[in-house]
Amino acid sequence: MSKSKDLTRSIGELEKLISKNFSVVKNKSSSNLVVNISIENFRFVSGFGRFMAGAIVGNAQLMLKIKITELSSGKVIGESFFDTQSEFSEGVFGATTSRQLEAMAMKITEYINSTSKNT
């Protein structure tokens, strides 16, 4: 997949948001984990585009695959998909990529914490 500037910027933003969430949580058991996040589906929609054109700009889409592996054993302890998409009927108030990234970062952090408690 070729990376657009929007995708590259969004990946960086997602990394920052996840790191920020983890700096608050500081779960000791999560330090023994490797988290792989792959982008399965992505469509960028800016807040400006959503505000100016509403639903005409199309739907923001983000689907991530999360795989959590225990570092010491190499055992996969969790694997899941997280998906979000704005809807045409939401118009100007529909989700933008930045809002989706914030929501995904929270979901990912919660998932990692809940998965790491089970190890």
N, C-alpha and C. Protein backbone atom coordinates (compact mmCIF):
# COMPACT_ATOMS: atom_id res chain seq x y z
N MET A 1 0.85 -1.17 0.00
CA MET A 1 0.00 0.00 0.00
C MET A 1 0.89 1.24 0.00
N SER A 2 0.63 2.15 -0.88
CA SER A 2 1.41 3.39 -0.87
C SER A 2 0.86 4.30 0.21
N LYS A 3 1.75 5.02 0.86
CA LYS A 3 1.34 5.90 1.96
C LYS A 3 1.11 7.31 1.43
N SER A 4 -0.02 7.86 1.77
CA SER A 4 -0.29 9.26 1.46
C SER A 4 0.20 10.10 2.64
N LYS A 5 0.29 11.40 2.45
CA LYS A 5 0.67 12.28 3.55
C LYS A 5 -0.34 12.18 4.69
N ASP A 6 -1.62 12.04 4.34
CA ASP A 6 -2.66 11.94 5.36
C ASP A 6 -2.50 10.66 6.18
N LEU A 7 -2.18 9.56 5.53
CA LEU A 7 -2.00 8.30 6.23
C LEU A 7 -0.77 8.37 7.13
N THR A 8 0.32 8.87 6.61
CA THR A 8 1.55 8.99 7.40
C THR A 8 1.33 9.87 8.63
N ARG A 9 0.67 10.99 8.43
CA ARG A 9 0.38 11.92 9.54
C ARG A 9 -0.56 11.25 10.54
N SER A 10 -1.54 10.50 10.06
CA SER A 10 -2.49 9.84 10.94
C SER A 10 -1.83 8.74 11.76
N ILE A 11 -0.91 8.00 11.17
CA ILE A 11 -0.17 6.97 11.90
C ILE A 11 0.63 7.62 13.04
N GLY A 12 1.30 8.71 12.74
CA GLY A 12 2.05 9.43 13.77
C GLY A 12 1.16 9.93 14.89
N GLU A 13 0.00 10.46 14.53
CA GLU A 13 -0.94 10.96 15.52
C GLU A 13 -1.48 9.83 16.39
N LEU A 14 -1.78 8.69 15.79
CA LEU A 14 -2.26 7.54 16.55
C LEU A 14 -1.19 7.07 17.54
N GLU A 15 0.06 7.02 17.11
CA GLU A 15 1.16 6.63 18.00
C GLU A 15 1.27 7.58 19.18
N LYS A 16 1.16 8.89 18.91
CA LYS A 16 1.24 9.89 19.99
C LYS A 16 0.09 9.72 20.98
N LEU A 17 -1.10 9.52 20.46
CA LEU A 17 -2.27 9.38 21.33
C LEU A 17 -2.18 8.13 22.20
N ILE A 18 -1.74 7.03 21.64
CA ILE A 18 -1.58 5.79 22.42
C ILE A 18 -0.51 5.98 23.49
N SER A 19 0.61 6.59 23.12
CA SER A 19 1.69 6.83 24.09
C SER A 19 1.20 7.73 25.23
N LYS A 20 0.43 8.74 24.89
CA LYS A 20 -0.11 9.66 25.90
C LYS A 20 -1.03 8.90 26.85
N ASN A 21 -1.89 8.04 26.32
CA ASN A 21 -2.79 7.26 27.17
C ASN A 21 -2.01 6.32 28.08
N PHE A 22 -0.93 5.71 27.57
CA PHE A 22 -0.14 4.80 28.39
C PHE A 22 0.67 5.52 29.44
N SER A 23 1.06 6.75 29.19
CA SER A 23 1.82 7.49 30.20
C SER A 23 0.96 7.77 31.43
N VAL A 24 -0.34 7.79 31.25
CA VAL A 24 -1.27 7.99 32.36
C VAL A 24 -1.50 6.67 33.09
N VAL A 25 -1.59 5.56 32.34
CA VAL A 25 -1.95 4.27 32.92
C VAL A 25 -0.77 3.60 33.62
N LYS A 26 0.36 3.47 32.96
CA LYS A 26 1.57 2.84 33.49
C LYS A 26 1.29 1.47 34.12
N ASN A 27 0.84 0.57 33.32
CA ASN A 27 0.53 -0.79 33.77
C ASN A 27 1.82 -1.63 33.69
N LYS A 28 2.29 -2.15 34.81
CA LYS A 28 3.56 -2.88 34.82
C LYS A 28 3.54 -4.14 33.95
N SER A 29 2.43 -4.86 33.94
CA SER A 29 2.38 -6.10 33.16
C SER A 29 2.42 -5.83 31.67
N SER A 30 2.06 -4.63 31.23
CA SER A 30 2.07 -4.33 29.80
C SER A 30 3.48 -4.14 29.27
N SER A 31 4.48 -4.01 30.14
CA SER A 31 5.87 -3.84 29.67
C SER A 31 6.44 -5.14 29.13
N ASN A 32 5.79 -6.25 29.36
CA ASN A 32 6.23 -7.55 28.88
C ASN A 32 5.50 -7.95 27.60
N LEU A 33 4.86 -6.97 26.94
CA LEU A 33 4.05 -7.26 25.77
C LEU A 33 4.58 -6.55 24.54
N VAL A 34 4.35 -7.18 23.39
CA VAL A 34 4.62 -6.56 22.09
C VAL A 34 3.26 -6.34 21.44
N VAL A 35 3.00 -5.12 21.04
CA VAL A 35 1.72 -4.79 20.42
C VAL A 35 1.97 -4.42 18.97
N ASN A 36 1.36 -5.18 18.06
CA ASN A 36 1.43 -4.87 16.63
C ASN A 36 0.08 -4.34 16.19
N ILE A 37 0.10 -3.18 15.54
CA ILE A 37 -1.11 -2.55 15.04
C ILE A 37 -0.96 -2.40 13.54
N SER A 38 -1.88 -2.99 12.78
CA SER A 38 -1.84 -2.83 11.33
C SER A 38 -3.12 -2.16 10.87
N ILE A 39 -2.97 -1.29 9.90
CA ILE A 39 -4.11 -0.58 9.33
C ILE A 39 -4.67 -1.42 8.20
N GLU A 40 -5.92 -1.83 8.35
CA GLU A 40 -6.58 -2.68 7.36
C GLU A 40 -7.38 -1.85 6.36
N ASN A 41 -7.93 -0.72 6.83
CA ASN A 41 -8.74 0.14 5.97
C ASN A 41 -8.62 1.57 6.48
N PHE A 42 -8.47 2.52 5.55
CA PHE A 42 -8.27 3.91 5.94
C PHE A 42 -8.81 4.84 4.86
N ARG A 43 -9.58 5.82 5.27
CA ARG A 43 -10.02 6.89 4.39
C ARG A 43 -10.03 8.17 5.20
N PHE A 44 -9.22 9.12 4.78
CA PHE A 44 -9.04 10.38 5.52
C PHE A 44 -10.15 11.37 5.19
N VAL A 45 -10.71 11.98 6.23
CA VAL A 45 -11.65 13.10 6.09
C VAL A 45 -11.26 14.14 7.13
N SER A 46 -10.94 15.32 6.67
CA SER A 46 -10.51 16.39 7.59
C SER A 46 -11.72 17.08 8.22
N GLY A 47 -11.49 17.73 9.34
CA GLY A 47 -12.54 18.51 9.98
C GLY A 47 -13.00 19.65 9.10
N PHE A 48 -12.05 20.28 8.40
CA PHE A 48 -12.40 21.38 7.50
C PHE A 48 -13.29 20.89 6.36
N GLY A 49 -12.92 19.78 5.76
CA GLY A 49 -13.72 19.21 4.68
C GLY A 49 -15.11 18.84 5.14
N ARG A 50 -15.21 18.24 6.34
CA ARG A 50 -16.51 17.86 6.89
C ARG A 50 -17.36 19.10 7.16
N PHE A 51 -16.73 20.14 7.70
CA PHE A 51 -17.47 21.36 8.02
C PHE A 51 -17.96 22.06 6.75
N MET A 52 -17.09 22.13 5.73
CA MET A 52 -17.44 22.87 4.51
C MET A 52 -18.41 22.12 3.60
N ALA A 53 -18.26 20.81 3.50
CA ALA A 53 -19.06 20.06 2.54
C ALA A 53 -19.96 19.01 3.16
N GLY A 54 -19.89 18.84 4.46
CA GLY A 54 -20.75 17.86 5.13
C GLY A 54 -20.51 16.45 4.62
N ALA A 55 -21.58 15.74 4.39
CA ALA A 55 -21.51 14.34 3.98
C ALA A 55 -20.96 14.17 2.57
N ILE A 56 -20.93 15.23 1.79
CA ILE A 56 -20.46 15.14 0.41
C ILE A 56 -18.99 14.71 0.34
N VAL A 57 -18.19 15.01 1.38
CA VAL A 57 -16.77 14.63 1.37
C VAL A 57 -16.59 13.12 1.52
N GLY A 58 -17.62 12.42 1.89
CA GLY A 58 -17.54 10.98 2.04
C GLY A 58 -17.34 10.58 3.49
N ASN A 59 -17.20 9.30 3.71
CA ASN A 59 -17.09 8.74 5.05
C ASN A 59 -15.64 8.57 5.46
N ALA A 60 -15.33 9.01 6.66
CA ALA A 60 -14.03 8.71 7.25
C ALA A 60 -14.06 7.25 7.68
N GLN A 61 -13.00 6.51 7.39
CA GLN A 61 -12.97 5.08 7.72
C GLN A 61 -11.63 4.74 8.36
N LEU A 62 -11.69 3.88 9.35
CA LEU A 62 -10.47 3.41 9.99
C LEU A 62 -10.74 2.02 10.57
N MET A 63 -9.96 1.05 10.10
CA MET A 63 -10.03 -0.31 10.64
C MET A 63 -8.61 -0.74 11.00
N LEU A 64 -8.44 -1.14 12.25
CA LEU A 64 -7.13 -1.56 12.75
C LEU A 64 -7.19 -3.00 13.23
N LYS A 65 -6.11 -3.72 13.03
CA LYS A 65 -5.96 -5.07 13.59
C LYS A 65 -4.90 -4.97 14.68
N ILE A 66 -5.25 -5.45 15.86
CA ILE A 66 -4.36 -5.39 17.02
C ILE A 66 -3.96 -6.82 17.38
N LYS A 67 -2.66 -7.03 17.54
CA LYS A 67 -2.16 -8.35 17.95
C LYS A 67 -1.21 -8.11 19.12
N ILE A 68 -1.49 -8.77 20.24
CA ILE A 68 -0.67 -8.62 21.45
C ILE A 68 0.03 -9.94 21.71
N THR A 69 1.35 -9.87 21.82
CA THR A 69 2.18 -11.06 22.03
C THR A 69 2.97 -10.88 23.31
N GLU A 70 3.04 -11.95 24.10
CA GLU A 70 3.86 -11.94 25.30
C GLU A 70 5.32 -12.06 24.89
N LEU A 71 6.14 -11.12 25.32
CA LEU A 71 7.53 -11.03 24.89
C LEU A 71 8.34 -12.26 25.30
N SER A 72 8.17 -12.72 26.51
CA SER A 72 9.00 -13.82 27.01
C SER A 72 8.71 -15.15 26.32
N SER A 73 7.44 -15.44 26.05
CA SER A 73 7.10 -16.74 25.48
C SER A 73 6.80 -16.70 23.98
N GLY A 74 6.51 -15.52 23.44
CA GLY A 74 6.13 -15.41 22.04
C GLY A 74 4.68 -15.81 21.79
N LYS A 75 3.94 -16.07 22.87
CA LYS A 75 2.55 -16.51 22.77
C LYS A 75 1.64 -15.31 22.47
N VAL A 76 0.74 -15.49 21.49
CA VAL A 76 -0.26 -14.46 21.19
C VAL A 76 -1.33 -14.52 22.27
N ILE A 77 -1.50 -13.42 23.00
CA ILE A 77 -2.47 -13.42 24.10
C ILE A 77 -3.73 -12.63 23.76
N GLY A 78 -3.71 -11.94 22.64
CA GLY A 78 -4.90 -11.21 22.23
C GLY A 78 -4.80 -10.76 20.79
N GLU A 79 -5.92 -10.82 20.10
CA GLU A 79 -5.97 -10.39 18.71
C GLU A 79 -7.39 -9.89 18.44
N SER A 80 -7.49 -8.69 17.86
CA SER A 80 -8.82 -8.13 17.64
C SER A 80 -8.78 -7.10 16.51
N PHE A 81 -9.96 -6.79 15.98
CA PHE A 81 -10.14 -5.74 15.00
C PHE A 81 -10.95 -4.61 15.63
N PHE A 82 -10.56 -3.39 15.34
CA PHE A 82 -11.33 -2.22 15.76
C PHE A 82 -11.68 -1.45 14.49
N ASP A 83 -12.94 -1.09 14.37
CA ASP A 83 -13.42 -0.49 13.14
C ASP A 83 -14.33 0.69 13.46
N THR A 84 -14.20 1.76 12.70
CA THR A 84 -15.08 2.91 12.84
C THR A 84 -15.28 3.56 11.48
N GLN A 85 -16.47 4.07 11.26
CA GLN A 85 -16.78 4.71 9.99
C GLN A 85 -17.88 5.75 10.22
N SER A 86 -17.71 6.93 9.63
CA SER A 86 -18.77 7.93 9.72
C SER A 86 -19.89 7.55 8.76
N GLU A 87 -21.04 8.11 8.99
CA GLU A 87 -22.22 7.80 8.18
C GLU A 87 -22.66 9.04 7.40
N PHE A 88 -23.23 8.84 6.23
CA PHE A 88 -23.72 9.92 5.40
C PHE A 88 -24.75 10.77 6.15
N SER A 89 -25.60 10.13 6.90
CA SER A 89 -26.68 10.84 7.60
C SER A 89 -26.18 11.78 8.70
N GLU A 90 -24.92 11.64 9.12
CA GLU A 90 -24.37 12.50 10.16
C GLU A 90 -24.03 13.89 9.63
N GLY A 91 -23.91 14.03 8.33
CA GLY A 91 -23.64 15.33 7.71
C GLY A 91 -22.42 16.02 8.28
N VAL A 92 -22.55 17.29 8.63
CA VAL A 92 -21.45 18.09 9.16
C VAL A 92 -20.93 17.53 10.48
N PHE A 93 -21.78 16.84 11.22
CA PHE A 93 -21.40 16.33 12.54
C PHE A 93 -20.78 14.94 12.49
N GLY A 94 -20.59 14.41 11.30
CA GLY A 94 -19.99 13.09 11.15
C GLY A 94 -18.56 13.05 11.64
N ALA A 95 -18.12 11.85 11.96
CA ALA A 95 -16.76 11.67 12.46
C ALA A 95 -15.72 12.05 11.41
N THR A 96 -14.67 12.66 11.88
CA THR A 96 -13.51 12.97 11.04
C THR A 96 -12.39 12.03 11.46
N THR A 97 -11.35 11.97 10.67
CA THR A 97 -10.25 11.07 10.98
C THR A 97 -9.64 11.39 12.34
N SER A 98 -9.48 12.66 12.69
CA SER A 98 -8.87 13.02 13.98
C SER A 98 -9.70 12.51 15.15
N ARG A 99 -11.02 12.61 15.05
CA ARG A 99 -11.88 12.09 16.12
C ARG A 99 -11.81 10.57 16.20
N GLN A 100 -11.71 9.93 15.03
CA GLN A 100 -11.61 8.47 15.01
C GLN A 100 -10.29 8.02 15.63
N LEU A 101 -9.22 8.74 15.37
CA LEU A 101 -7.92 8.38 15.95
C LEU A 101 -7.96 8.48 17.47
N GLU A 102 -8.58 9.52 17.99
CA GLU A 102 -8.70 9.67 19.44
C GLU A 102 -9.50 8.52 20.05
N ALA A 103 -10.60 8.16 19.41
CA ALA A 103 -11.43 7.06 19.91
C ALA A 103 -10.69 5.73 19.83
N MET A 104 -9.97 5.51 18.74
CA MET A 104 -9.22 4.26 18.57
C MET A 104 -8.10 4.15 19.60
N ALA A 105 -7.42 5.24 19.87
CA ALA A 105 -6.33 5.22 20.86
C ALA A 105 -6.86 4.80 22.22
N MET A 106 -8.04 5.31 22.59
CA MET A 106 -8.64 4.92 23.86
C MET A 106 -9.02 3.43 23.86
N LYS A 107 -9.62 2.97 22.77
CA LYS A 107 -10.01 1.56 22.67
C LYS A 107 -8.79 0.64 22.74
N ILE A 108 -7.73 1.03 22.03
CA ILE A 108 -6.52 0.21 22.01
C ILE A 108 -5.90 0.14 23.40
N THR A 109 -5.82 1.27 24.08
CA THR A 109 -5.25 1.31 25.43
C THR A 109 -6.07 0.44 26.37
N GLU A 110 -7.39 0.56 26.31
CA GLU A 110 -8.26 -0.26 27.16
C GLU A 110 -8.09 -1.74 26.84
N TYR A 111 -8.00 -2.07 25.55
CA TYR A 111 -7.84 -3.47 25.15
C TYR A 111 -6.52 -4.05 25.65
N ILE A 112 -5.44 -3.30 25.50
CA ILE A 112 -4.13 -3.77 25.97
C ILE A 112 -4.15 -3.97 27.48
N ASN A 113 -4.73 -3.02 28.20
CA ASN A 113 -4.80 -3.14 29.66
C ASN A 113 -5.65 -4.33 30.09
N SER A 114 -6.78 -4.53 29.45
CA SER A 114 -7.64 -5.65 29.85
C SER A 114 -6.99 -6.99 29.47
N THR A 115 -6.31 -7.03 28.35
CA THR A 115 -5.63 -8.26 27.91
C THR A 115 -4.44 -8.56 28.81
N SER A 116 -3.68 -7.53 29.19
CA SER A 116 -2.48 -7.75 30.00
C SER A 116 -2.83 -8.18 31.42
N LYS A 117 -4.00 -7.83 31.90
CA LYS A 117 -4.43 -8.25 33.25
C LYS A 117 -4.69 -9.75 33.29
N ASN A 118 -4.98 -10.33 32.15
CA ASN A 118 -5.27 -11.76 32.07
C ASN A 118 -4.00 -12.61 31.96
N THR A 119 -2.83 -11.98 31.92
CA THR A 119 -1.58 -12.75 31.80
C THR A 119 -0.93 -12.97 33.13
